[in-house]
Protein backbone atom coordinates (compact mmCIF):
# COMPACT_ATOMS: atom_id res chain seq x y z
CA MET A 1 -73.33 -11.11 -16.57
CA ARG A 2 -72.23 -9.69 -13.21
CA THR A 3 -68.73 -10.97 -13.62
CA ASN A 4 -68.53 -9.65 -17.14
CA ALA A 5 -69.81 -6.28 -15.97
CA ILE A 6 -67.20 -6.10 -13.26
CA ASN A 7 -64.48 -7.12 -15.66
CA GLY A 8 -65.70 -4.59 -18.17
CA VAL A 9 -65.64 -1.78 -15.59
CA THR A 10 -62.19 -2.86 -14.46
CA PHE A 11 -60.90 -2.90 -18.00
CA THR A 12 -62.36 0.55 -18.66
CA VAL A 13 -60.82 2.01 -15.51
CA CYS A 14 -57.42 0.50 -16.33
CA LEU A 15 -57.60 1.82 -19.86
CA LEU A 16 -58.42 5.32 -18.63
CA LEU A 17 -55.60 5.19 -16.07
CA GLY A 18 -53.17 4.03 -18.75
CA LEU A 19 -54.15 6.90 -21.05
CA ALA A 20 -53.78 9.37 -18.19
CA MET A 21 -50.31 8.03 -17.35
CA ALA A 22 -49.26 8.17 -20.99
CA GLN A 23 -50.21 11.85 -21.13
CA SER A 24 -48.40 12.66 -17.83
CA PRO A 25 -44.62 12.98 -17.28
CA VAL A 26 -42.97 9.62 -16.49
CA ALA A 27 -41.72 9.40 -12.92
CA VAL A 28 -37.89 9.48 -12.86
CA ALA A 29 -35.70 8.48 -9.92
CA GLU A 30 -34.16 11.48 -8.22
CA GLU A 31 -30.45 12.04 -8.72
CA PRO A 32 -28.33 11.20 -5.65
CA THR A 33 -27.73 14.27 -3.49
CA LEU A 34 -25.93 15.11 -0.27
CA SER A 35 -25.88 18.21 1.85
CA LYS A 36 -22.68 20.26 1.67
CA ALA A 37 -21.53 18.93 5.07
CA ASP A 38 -22.34 15.32 4.17
CA PHE A 39 -20.61 15.68 0.81
CA GLU A 40 -17.42 16.93 2.46
CA GLU A 41 -17.56 14.10 5.00
CA ALA A 42 -18.05 11.50 2.27
CA LYS A 43 -15.25 13.04 0.19
CA THR A 44 -12.88 12.69 3.14
CA LEU A 45 -13.97 9.10 3.74
CA PHE A 46 -13.39 8.26 0.08
CA PHE A 47 -9.93 9.83 0.17
CA GLN A 48 -8.96 7.97 3.33
CA ARG A 49 -10.43 4.56 2.53
CA CYS A 50 -11.10 4.21 -1.20
CA ALA A 51 -8.96 6.48 -3.38
CA GLY A 52 -5.88 4.29 -3.07
CA CYS A 53 -7.47 1.51 -5.14
CA HIS A 54 -10.09 3.38 -7.15
CA GLY A 55 -8.30 6.71 -7.78
CA VAL A 56 -9.15 10.22 -6.63
CA LEU A 57 -11.09 10.72 -9.88
CA ARG A 58 -12.57 7.20 -9.45
CA LYS A 59 -11.35 5.96 -12.83
CA GLY A 60 -10.11 2.72 -11.29
CA ALA A 61 -6.81 0.81 -11.14
CA THR A 62 -6.46 -1.98 -8.60
CA GLY A 63 -10.14 -1.37 -7.85
CA LYS A 64 -13.06 -0.87 -10.26
CA ASN A 65 -14.03 2.34 -12.03
CA LEU A 66 -16.48 4.17 -9.74
CA GLU A 67 -17.65 6.96 -12.02
CA PRO A 68 -21.42 7.65 -11.97
CA GLU A 69 -21.98 5.94 -15.33
CA ASN A 70 -21.11 2.68 -13.55
CA THR A 71 -22.27 3.27 -9.99
CA LEU A 72 -25.73 4.58 -10.88
CA GLU A 73 -26.48 1.25 -12.53
CA LEU A 74 -25.71 -0.55 -9.28
CA GLY A 75 -27.84 1.72 -7.15
CA GLN A 76 -27.76 2.81 -3.54
CA ARG A 77 -28.73 -0.46 -1.87
CA LYS A 78 -26.25 -2.64 -3.76
CA LEU A 79 -23.42 -0.16 -3.29
CA GLU A 80 -24.04 -0.03 0.45
CA ARG A 81 -23.95 -3.81 0.55
CA MET A 82 -20.68 -3.99 -1.39
CA ILE A 83 -19.04 -1.40 0.84
CA SER A 84 -20.28 -3.18 3.95
CA LEU A 85 -19.37 -6.75 3.04
CA GLY A 86 -16.53 -6.34 0.52
CA THR A 87 -16.17 -8.20 -2.78
CA GLU A 88 -14.62 -11.38 -4.06
CA GLY A 89 -12.16 -9.31 -6.09
CA GLY A 90 -10.14 -8.44 -3.01
CA MET A 91 -11.94 -5.43 -1.51
CA ASN A 92 -12.24 -5.88 2.23
CA ASN A 93 -15.41 -5.28 4.22
CA PHE A 94 -15.98 -1.89 5.86
CA ASP A 95 -18.90 -2.74 8.12
CA ASP A 96 -16.59 -2.88 11.12
CA ILE A 97 -14.68 0.26 10.13
CA LEU A 98 -17.41 2.67 9.04
CA THR A 99 -20.82 3.36 10.59
CA ARG A 100 -24.01 2.59 8.69
CA ASP A 101 -24.53 6.30 8.16
CA GLU A 102 -21.00 6.73 6.77
CA ILE A 103 -21.51 3.78 4.41
CA LYS A 104 -24.79 5.29 3.21
CA LYS A 105 -23.16 8.67 2.53
CA LEU A 106 -20.23 7.02 0.78
CA ALA A 107 -22.54 4.99 -1.47
CA THR A 108 -24.38 8.18 -2.44
CA TYR A 109 -21.16 10.12 -2.97
CA ILE A 110 -19.78 7.68 -5.55
CA GLN A 111 -22.97 8.06 -7.61
CA MET A 112 -22.24 11.78 -7.93
CA PRO A 113 -19.60 13.36 -10.21
CA ALA A 114 -16.12 13.25 -8.70
CA PRO A 115 -14.74 16.67 -7.71
CA GLU A 116 -11.26 17.28 -9.06
CA PRO A 117 -8.90 18.23 -6.22
CA PRO A 118 -6.51 21.18 -6.50
CA GLU A 119 -2.92 21.10 -7.73
CA LEU A 120 0.09 21.68 -5.45
CA ASP A 121 3.04 23.66 -6.80
CA LEU A 122 6.63 23.99 -5.61
CA ALA A 123 6.12 27.48 -4.14
CA THR A 124 3.27 26.21 -1.94
CA MET A 125 5.34 23.20 -0.85
CA LYS A 126 8.14 25.52 0.26
CA LYS A 127 5.69 27.57 2.30
CA ARG A 128 4.52 24.42 4.10
CA TRP A 129 8.04 23.07 4.69
CA LYS A 130 8.89 22.99 8.40
CA THR A 131 12.14 22.57 10.32
CA TYR A 132 11.86 21.49 13.97
CA ILE A 133 15.52 20.83 14.69
CA LYS A 134 18.27 22.36 12.57
CA PRO A 135 20.86 19.96 11.12
CA SER A 136 23.57 21.81 13.05
CA ALA A 137 21.87 20.63 16.28
CA TYR A 138 21.83 16.93 15.32
CA PRO A 139 23.89 14.77 17.74
CA SER A 140 27.23 13.52 16.37
CA ARG A 141 26.72 10.09 17.98
CA PRO A 142 23.75 8.20 19.46
CA ALA A 143 22.48 10.06 22.53
CA HIS A 144 21.17 6.82 24.07
CA GLY A 145 22.69 3.44 24.82
CA ARG A 146 20.17 1.38 22.89
CA ASN A 147 20.89 -0.98 20.01
CA TRP A 148 19.28 1.33 17.48
CA GLU A 149 20.13 -0.94 14.54
CA ASN A 150 17.58 -3.37 15.98
CA PHE A 151 14.88 -0.71 16.34
CA PHE A 152 11.53 -1.37 14.70
CA LEU A 153 9.63 1.57 13.25
CA VAL A 154 5.95 0.62 13.42
CA ILE A 155 3.17 2.41 11.56
CA LEU A 156 0.28 3.30 13.87
CA ARG A 157 -1.97 3.86 10.90
CA ASP A 158 -5.16 5.59 12.02
CA ALA A 159 -3.44 7.48 14.82
CA GLY A 160 -1.10 9.22 12.38
CA LYS A 161 1.97 8.15 14.34
CA VAL A 162 5.06 5.93 14.13
CA ALA A 163 6.16 3.95 17.17
CA VAL A 164 9.86 3.29 17.68
CA ILE A 165 10.25 -0.07 19.46
CA ASP A 166 13.50 -1.47 20.87
CA GLY A 167 13.91 -4.91 19.29
CA ASP A 168 16.11 -6.11 22.16
CA THR A 169 13.97 -5.06 25.14
CA LYS A 170 10.57 -4.91 23.37
CA GLU A 171 9.97 -1.46 24.90
CA VAL A 172 8.08 1.27 23.06
CA VAL A 173 10.78 3.95 23.04
CA THR A 174 8.57 6.73 21.69
CA ARG A 175 5.60 7.57 19.48
CA ILE A 176 6.17 10.24 16.83
CA ASP A 177 3.51 12.32 15.05
CA THR A 178 3.66 11.77 11.30
CA GLY A 179 1.25 12.04 8.39
CA TYR A 180 -2.12 10.32 8.36
CA ALA A 181 -1.93 6.58 7.61
CA VAL A 182 1.78 6.35 6.85
CA HIS A 183 2.11 4.03 3.88
CA ALA A 184 5.87 3.59 3.65
CA MET A 185 9.17 4.51 5.27
CA LYS A 186 12.66 4.46 3.80
CA GLU A 187 16.05 4.81 5.43
CA SER A 188 19.23 6.82 4.95
CA SER A 189 22.20 4.75 3.83
CA ASP A 190 23.31 4.04 7.43
CA GLY A 191 19.78 3.69 8.82
CA ARG A 192 20.04 6.64 11.18
CA PHE A 193 17.42 8.83 9.47
CA TRP A 194 14.00 7.58 8.39
CA TYR A 195 11.67 9.32 5.98
CA THR A 196 7.94 8.56 6.20
CA MET A 197 5.20 9.19 3.67
CA GLY A 198 1.63 9.65 4.86
CA ARG A 199 -1.41 9.21 2.67
CA ASP A 200 -2.06 12.91 3.19
CA GLY A 201 1.18 13.74 1.37
CA ARG A 202 3.04 14.72 4.52
CA MET A 203 6.65 13.55 4.42
CA THR A 204 8.57 13.52 7.72
CA LYS A 205 12.19 12.96 8.72
CA ILE A 206 13.05 11.10 11.95
CA ASP A 207 16.45 10.97 13.69
CA LEU A 208 16.99 7.70 15.58
CA TRP A 209 20.13 8.95 17.33
CA MET A 210 18.23 11.46 19.46
CA ASP A 211 17.03 10.49 22.92
CA PRO A 212 14.26 9.77 22.34
CA PRO A 213 14.15 9.65 18.51
CA GLN A 214 12.47 12.76 17.19
CA LEU A 215 10.81 14.37 14.21
CA VAL A 216 13.31 16.90 12.83
CA ALA A 217 11.65 18.21 9.64
CA GLU A 218 8.64 17.76 7.38
CA ALA A 219 7.18 18.85 4.05
CA GLN A 220 3.84 18.38 2.32
CA ILE A 221 4.46 17.24 -1.26
CA ALA A 222 0.91 16.14 -2.17
CA TYR A 223 -2.66 15.70 -0.96
CA ASP A 224 -2.54 11.93 -1.48
CA ALA A 225 0.75 10.03 -1.59
CA ARG A 226 2.29 6.62 -1.05
CA ASP A 227 6.07 6.24 -1.12
CA VAL A 228 9.49 7.72 -0.50
CA ALA A 229 13.14 6.81 -1.19
CA VAL A 230 16.62 8.20 -0.50
CA SER A 231 19.62 8.54 -2.84
CA HIS A 232 22.18 5.90 -1.80
CA TYR A 233 24.71 5.94 -4.63
CA GLY A 234 28.22 7.41 -4.83
CA GLU A 235 28.77 11.10 -4.24
CA TRP A 236 24.99 11.63 -4.00
CA LYS A 237 24.62 9.31 -1.00
CA ASP A 238 21.96 10.74 1.35
CA LYS A 239 21.84 13.98 -0.65
CA TYR A 240 18.30 13.73 -2.01
CA VAL A 241 14.98 12.18 -1.02
CA ILE A 242 12.09 11.59 -3.41
CA GLY A 243 8.36 11.45 -2.66
CA GLY A 244 5.85 9.78 -4.98
CA SER A 245 2.33 11.20 -5.19
CA TYR A 246 -1.13 9.96 -6.11
CA TRP A 247 -2.59 13.47 -6.32
CA PRO A 248 -1.37 15.61 -7.86
CA PRO A 249 0.18 12.92 -10.10
CA HIS A 250 3.85 13.81 -9.74
CA PHE A 251 7.02 13.11 -7.83
CA VAL A 252 9.02 15.62 -5.82
CA ILE A 253 12.75 15.67 -5.12
CA LEU A 254 13.81 17.23 -1.81
CA ASP A 255 17.07 18.02 -0.03
CA ALA A 256 17.53 14.99 2.24
CA LEU A 257 19.34 17.02 4.92
CA THR A 258 16.90 19.91 5.28
CA MET A 259 13.75 18.50 3.60
CA GLU A 260 13.47 21.57 1.37
CA PRO A 261 11.44 20.73 -1.78
CA LEU A 262 13.64 21.24 -4.85
CA LYS A 263 11.96 19.89 -7.98
CA VAL A 264 8.51 18.70 -9.10
CA VAL A 265 8.03 16.36 -12.07
CA SER A 266 4.57 15.51 -13.42
CA THR A 267 3.79 11.88 -14.24
CA ARG A 268 0.80 12.62 -16.45
CA GLY A 269 1.28 11.14 -19.87
CA THR A 270 0.51 8.47 -22.44
CA ASP A 271 0.15 4.91 -21.21
CA VAL A 272 1.44 1.69 -22.79
CA ASP A 273 -1.78 1.50 -24.84
CA GLY A 274 -1.34 4.99 -26.29
CA THR A 275 -4.02 6.69 -24.19
CA TYR A 276 -3.40 9.98 -22.41
CA VAL A 277 -3.83 9.61 -18.64
CA ASN A 278 -4.45 12.65 -16.44
CA GLU A 279 -4.36 10.70 -13.17
CA SER A 280 -1.10 8.77 -13.57
CA ARG A 281 -0.17 8.08 -9.97
CA VAL A 282 3.21 7.19 -8.49
CA ALA A 283 2.60 3.90 -6.76
CA ALA A 284 6.12 3.27 -5.49
CA VAL A 285 9.67 4.64 -5.55
CA TYR A 286 12.85 2.67 -4.88
CA ASN A 287 16.54 3.39 -4.72
CA SER A 288 18.52 1.41 -7.32
CA PRO A 289 21.78 0.17 -5.74
CA HIS A 290 24.00 0.14 -8.86
CA ALA A 291 23.40 3.63 -10.29
CA PRO A 292 22.48 7.17 -9.19
CA THR A 293 18.82 6.49 -9.95
CA TRP A 294 15.43 5.84 -8.44
CA ILE A 295 12.82 3.55 -9.93
CA VAL A 296 9.45 5.31 -10.07
CA ALA A 297 6.38 3.16 -10.76
CA ALA A 298 3.90 5.13 -12.88
CA LYS A 299 0.85 3.07 -11.96
CA GLU A 300 -1.73 3.87 -14.62
CA LEU A 301 0.83 4.30 -17.42
CA GLY A 302 2.20 0.80 -16.94
CA GLN A 303 5.70 2.27 -17.02
CA LEU A 304 8.76 2.10 -14.77
CA TRP A 305 10.62 5.40 -14.86
CA GLN A 306 14.30 5.18 -13.97
CA VAL A 307 15.08 8.69 -12.76
CA ASP A 308 18.75 9.74 -12.75
CA TYR A 309 19.39 12.18 -9.89
CA SER A 310 23.03 12.95 -10.76
CA ASP A 311 21.97 16.21 -12.47
CA LEU A 312 18.67 17.69 -11.32
CA ASP A 313 18.84 20.56 -13.81
CA ASN A 314 19.10 18.14 -16.74
CA LEU A 315 17.01 15.31 -15.39
CA ARG A 316 17.32 12.06 -17.33
CA ILE A 317 14.33 9.70 -17.18
CA ASP A 318 14.28 6.32 -18.92
CA LYS A 319 10.67 5.21 -19.40
CA ILE A 320 10.38 1.43 -19.46
CA ASN A 321 7.12 -0.10 -20.68
CA SER A 322 5.59 -3.00 -18.76
CA HIS A 323 1.92 -3.63 -17.80
CA LYS A 324 -0.84 -1.84 -15.88
CA PHE A 325 -1.44 -1.25 -13.04
CA LEU A 326 1.92 -1.10 -11.25
CA HIS A 327 1.90 -1.20 -7.48
CA ASP A 328 4.86 -2.25 -5.28
CA GLY A 329 7.88 -4.54 -5.52
CA PHE A 330 11.34 -5.59 -4.41
CA PHE A 331 14.80 -6.42 -5.75
CA ASP A 332 16.26 -9.86 -6.35
CA PRO A 333 18.99 -10.97 -3.88
CA LYS A 334 21.76 -9.46 -6.05
CA LEU A 335 19.92 -6.12 -6.19
CA ARG A 336 19.96 -5.85 -9.97
CA TYR A 337 16.52 -6.97 -11.08
CA PHE A 338 13.45 -5.16 -9.81
CA GLN A 339 10.35 -7.34 -9.36
CA ILE A 340 7.10 -5.38 -9.21
CA ALA A 341 3.41 -6.24 -9.23
CA ALA A 342 1.19 -5.07 -12.08
CA ASN A 343 -1.67 -6.27 -9.97
CA ALA A 344 -4.66 -5.47 -12.19
CA SER A 345 -2.87 -7.32 -15.00
CA ASN A 346 -2.25 -10.30 -12.68
CA ARG A 347 1.48 -10.14 -13.31
CA ILE A 348 4.87 -9.63 -11.73
CA GLU A 349 7.05 -7.48 -13.98
CA ILE A 350 10.85 -7.76 -14.10
CA MET A 351 13.20 -4.92 -15.07
CA ASP A 352 16.98 -4.72 -15.20
CA SER A 353 18.08 -1.66 -13.22
CA VAL A 354 21.63 -1.81 -14.64
CA ASP A 355 20.75 -1.99 -18.34
CA ARG A 356 17.56 0.01 -17.70
CA LYS A 357 15.28 -2.24 -19.69
CA PHE A 358 12.29 -4.55 -19.37
CA VAL A 359 13.19 -8.22 -18.91
CA ALA A 360 10.14 -10.42 -18.31
CA SER A 361 6.50 -10.66 -17.28
CA ILE A 362 5.16 -13.49 -15.13
CA GLU A 363 1.45 -14.31 -14.79
CA THR A 364 1.11 -15.17 -11.12
CA GLY A 365 -2.57 -15.07 -10.10
CA THR A 366 -5.31 -12.60 -9.30
CA LYS A 367 -3.82 -9.25 -8.28
CA PRO A 368 -0.35 -10.06 -6.91
CA HIS A 369 0.76 -7.92 -3.96
CA PRO A 370 4.22 -8.77 -2.56
CA GLY A 371 4.59 -5.70 -0.35
CA PRO A 372 8.29 -5.63 0.60
CA GLY A 373 8.58 -9.09 -0.93
CA ALA A 374 10.45 -12.27 -0.12
CA ASN A 375 13.52 -13.96 -1.63
CA TRP A 376 14.79 -17.39 -0.62
CA VAL A 377 16.51 -20.48 -2.03
CA ASP A 378 14.42 -23.38 -3.29
CA PRO A 379 16.00 -26.88 -3.50
CA LYS A 380 14.89 -27.31 -7.12
CA CYS A 381 14.75 -23.81 -8.64
CA GLY A 382 17.55 -22.11 -6.70
CA PRO A 383 17.01 -18.45 -5.74
CA VAL A 384 13.31 -17.52 -5.97
CA GLY A 385 10.96 -14.66 -5.22
CA GLY A 386 7.40 -14.89 -4.00
CA THR A 387 4.14 -13.00 -3.69
CA VAL A 388 0.69 -13.27 -2.13
CA HIS A 389 -2.40 -11.97 -3.94
CA LEU A 390 -5.17 -9.47 -3.27
CA GLY A 391 -7.70 -11.49 -5.22
CA GLU A 392 -7.12 -15.09 -4.14
CA GLY A 393 -5.51 -17.25 -1.50
CA LYS A 394 -2.25 -18.23 -3.15
CA ILE A 395 1.51 -17.86 -2.87
CA THR A 396 3.28 -17.86 -6.25
CA THR A 397 7.02 -18.51 -6.43
CA TRP A 398 9.30 -17.86 -9.42
CA GLY A 399 13.00 -18.25 -10.18
CA ASN A 400 15.04 -15.03 -10.10
CA ASP A 401 18.66 -16.05 -10.73
CA PRO A 402 19.23 -15.72 -14.52
CA LYS A 403 22.98 -16.37 -14.28
CA GLY A 404 23.13 -19.25 -11.81
CA HIS A 405 19.83 -20.95 -12.73
CA PRO A 406 18.86 -19.68 -16.22
CA GLU A 407 16.45 -22.57 -16.83
CA HIS A 408 14.23 -21.38 -13.97
CA ALA A 409 14.70 -17.62 -14.35
CA TRP A 410 11.44 -15.66 -14.54
CA LYS A 411 9.38 -18.86 -14.65
CA ILE A 412 6.90 -20.18 -12.10
CA CYS A 413 8.60 -22.59 -9.71
CA TYR A 414 5.45 -23.56 -7.80
CA ARG A 415 2.16 -22.30 -6.44
CA THR A 416 0.91 -22.89 -2.90
CA ALA A 417 -2.72 -22.48 -1.85
CA THR A 418 -3.57 -20.49 1.27
CA ASP A 419 -6.98 -19.94 2.86
CA GLY A 420 -7.49 -16.37 1.74
CA ALA A 421 -6.22 -13.24 0.01
CA GLY A 422 -3.30 -11.46 1.64
CA LEU A 423 -1.23 -8.30 1.59
CA PHE A 424 2.31 -9.19 2.62
CA ILE A 425 4.91 -11.93 2.37
CA ARG A 426 8.25 -11.95 4.19
CA THR A 427 11.22 -14.17 5.09
CA HIS A 428 14.82 -14.10 6.37
CA PRO A 429 17.90 -16.20 5.48
CA ASN A 430 18.09 -17.44 9.09
CA SER A 431 14.54 -18.79 9.11
CA PRO A 432 13.45 -22.02 7.38
CA TYR A 433 10.06 -20.46 6.70
CA VAL A 434 8.23 -17.87 4.63
CA PHE A 435 5.36 -16.01 6.32
CA ALA A 436 2.24 -14.87 4.44
CA ASP A 437 -0.73 -12.99 5.88
CA GLN A 438 -4.37 -13.43 4.80
CA THR A 439 -5.63 -10.03 5.86
CA LEU A 440 -8.23 -9.50 3.14
CA PHE A 441 -10.32 -12.64 3.69
CA PRO A 442 -13.58 -11.78 5.50
CA GLU A 443 -13.70 -14.81 7.85
CA VAL A 444 -11.97 -14.18 11.18
CA ASP A 445 -10.37 -17.60 11.55
CA VAL A 446 -8.53 -16.87 8.29
CA ASN A 447 -7.70 -13.16 8.49
CA GLN A 448 -6.46 -13.59 12.06
CA SER A 449 -4.01 -16.30 10.97
CA ILE A 450 -0.63 -16.35 9.24
CA LYS A 451 0.41 -19.10 6.84
CA VAL A 452 3.91 -20.53 7.31
CA LEU A 453 5.50 -21.99 4.17
CA ASP A 454 8.41 -24.44 4.45
CA LYS A 455 11.25 -23.36 2.13
CA LYS A 456 12.36 -26.97 1.57
CA THR A 457 9.01 -28.40 0.52
CA GLY A 458 7.10 -25.39 -0.80
CA LYS A 459 4.15 -26.50 1.31
CA ILE A 460 2.34 -24.94 4.25
CA ALA A 461 4.01 -26.20 7.41
CA LYS A 462 1.74 -24.50 9.93
CA THR A 463 -1.05 -21.99 10.40
CA LEU A 464 -0.45 -19.53 13.23
CA ARG A 465 -3.61 -18.13 14.84
CA VAL A 466 -2.16 -14.80 15.85
CA THR A 467 -5.17 -13.27 17.59
CA THR A 468 -8.78 -13.80 18.59
CA ILE A 469 -9.42 -10.15 19.44
CA GLU A 470 -12.78 -8.97 18.10
CA LYS A 471 -12.26 -7.04 14.84
CA GLY A 472 -8.54 -7.82 14.96
CA VAL A 473 -6.67 -8.98 11.84
CA ALA A 474 -3.12 -10.29 11.48
CA VAL A 475 -1.08 -8.26 9.00
CA HIS A 476 2.54 -7.75 7.91
CA THR A 477 5.50 -9.73 9.21
CA GLU A 478 9.02 -8.45 9.85
CA PHE A 479 12.14 -10.03 11.33
CA ASN A 480 14.51 -8.73 13.97
CA LYS A 481 18.16 -8.01 13.20
CA ASP A 482 19.50 -11.59 13.39
CA GLY A 483 16.36 -13.22 12.00
CA SER A 484 15.64 -15.19 15.18
CA GLU A 485 12.24 -13.52 15.67
CA VAL A 486 9.33 -12.71 13.39
CA TRP A 487 6.96 -9.91 14.43
CA VAL A 488 3.29 -9.84 13.36
CA SER A 489 0.93 -6.88 13.70
CA VAL A 490 -2.60 -7.22 15.06
CA TRP A 491 -4.57 -4.36 13.56
CA VAL A 492 -7.86 -3.87 15.42
CA ARG A 493 -10.39 -2.18 13.20
CA GLY A 494 -13.43 -0.20 14.24
CA GLY A 495 -12.28 3.34 14.95
CA ARG A 496 -10.83 5.26 17.85
CA LYS A 497 -12.52 3.15 20.52
CA ASN A 498 -10.34 0.20 19.49
CA TRP A 499 -7.04 2.04 19.12
CA THR A 500 -5.50 0.77 22.36
CA LYS A 501 -6.31 -2.88 21.54
CA GLY A 502 -3.71 -3.31 18.80
CA GLU A 503 -0.58 -5.33 19.48
CA ILE A 504 2.47 -7.04 18.00
CA VAL A 505 2.94 -10.77 18.48
CA ILE A 506 6.50 -12.11 18.38
CA TYR A 507 7.40 -15.67 17.40
CA ASP A 508 10.61 -17.68 17.31
CA SER A 509 11.32 -17.83 13.58
CA LYS A 510 12.47 -21.47 13.74
CA THR A 511 10.33 -23.16 16.40
CA LEU A 512 7.29 -20.94 15.71
CA GLU A 513 6.66 -20.67 19.45
CA GLU A 514 5.22 -17.39 20.71
CA LYS A 515 7.81 -15.36 22.66
CA ALA A 516 6.17 -12.04 23.55
CA ARG A 517 3.35 -9.56 22.94
CA ILE A 518 3.67 -5.80 22.80
CA LYS A 519 0.25 -4.39 23.70
CA GLY A 520 -1.46 -1.01 23.68
CA LEU A 521 -0.65 -0.04 20.09
CA ALA A 522 -3.00 2.01 17.91
CA THR A 523 -3.78 0.21 14.63
CA PRO A 524 -0.25 -1.15 14.02
CA THR A 525 0.38 -2.21 10.41
CA GLY A 526 3.76 -2.11 8.62
CA LYS A 527 7.00 -2.59 10.59
CA PHE A 528 10.54 -1.79 9.46
CA ASN A 529 13.63 -3.22 11.16
CA VAL A 530 16.57 -0.85 10.73
CA TYR A 531 19.29 -3.42 10.09
CA ASN A 532 17.25 -5.57 7.71
CA ARG A 533 16.13 -2.63 5.62
CA VAL A 534 19.61 -1.09 5.37
CA HIS A 535 21.04 -4.44 4.26
CA HIS A 536 18.17 -5.33 1.91
CA VAL A 537 17.25 -8.49 3.81
CA THR A 538 14.10 -9.88 2.22
């Protein structure tokens, strides 16, 4: 009886509580909010660290769509964890780059509607155009006695600078202020002038003949940008320079001598699936050696635009369909066929820059990312190209000589497993090896090591442990002028306190023995050797 009485009372109380709850408003989770200051901080963090893969409007490309309809389902805690630890799809961890508070704000920010950034018109670009040294004051010959053709221009990413390093003496000649997180640099036809593109849309021009090399002009062509290229063909040689933008989605043509912005062309349009795309970003731009054109990769459209610069007033653009989402690429050894990653489609796309048409599509693996790429000769397949991948540890190699080896052209030659996902692959005709980084893998023994592939066997010959510095990762290889040395960056993450810990490690490209270390560099990433870039050595 007592038990039944208690149970009866309990049941009655529960029933009354249930009725009361049914008649009251249901509790709903509060919408994510940030103070105005925290919102602006998170917006800047997203621009600097996330927009490149996910888009300014967060609609996704290489990375996932991060609009609130998707992120709210994941929730604050899971988003913080993903940002902190990274994902298996190729996103690196940020727990050693951002503070816990920054990660928390960022996770909240991506659950809120994305603010659309402003446009940037030609008149505003001209107002922001700056000349530091007039062309009439440029030296007529090198003002120093250094072997400037063996200079390395090294991106000091988070410091917003480029270091010029003498490849002969290994001395840091100078550090030049550029845009934030320079993503790419391209050279004039003789290699004297270099044009950088920062992620903040700031394009700068550097003269290597000055003592020391100096910044001579700059222009802001976007708020978020990635690449740059110079006209190298015929009577237009070194006449124009083009900058490709993420936001606003456009490209800008400038006077290569003065850096005055001349023409803006929107890349918004209809993609290969027939859908209109507002945020159609320019992922990469390249000079085509056999015509007065640039190749512009319209990332979200899945199109390669071959832009003819011979008549800016009557601009001809051939739009060549391929696959989404286009990223970066490189030419074959004969400089006719352009090989570019459509990394979210897991493909390398091939286009003919002479006939201006699509040629082939090769399924390589999860999110290919060749960076500046690598070409070499395989004993079985002849001339080949290769890529690493953002989403898995693998080097994929394909034939790229349709005339000499048609049976292997645009077909997989072989695949070689590595220990983790990477960003860059590189080689040189004078080295028996191909070098691939593994920067994106979270384990330090992997991301601090470079894989060395033997060109003769297609197998990994050695693993080079480049660094053991805490929070240091090995990234991006580049060769010196004669190919006897390969230089590897050690990018030390973790903010300003670690900026002086970065270094470049130099190896003999044949024996693989370490030769030297250049220390005291702030977050070094990409490196560009003047001679190799001018002569298209990949």
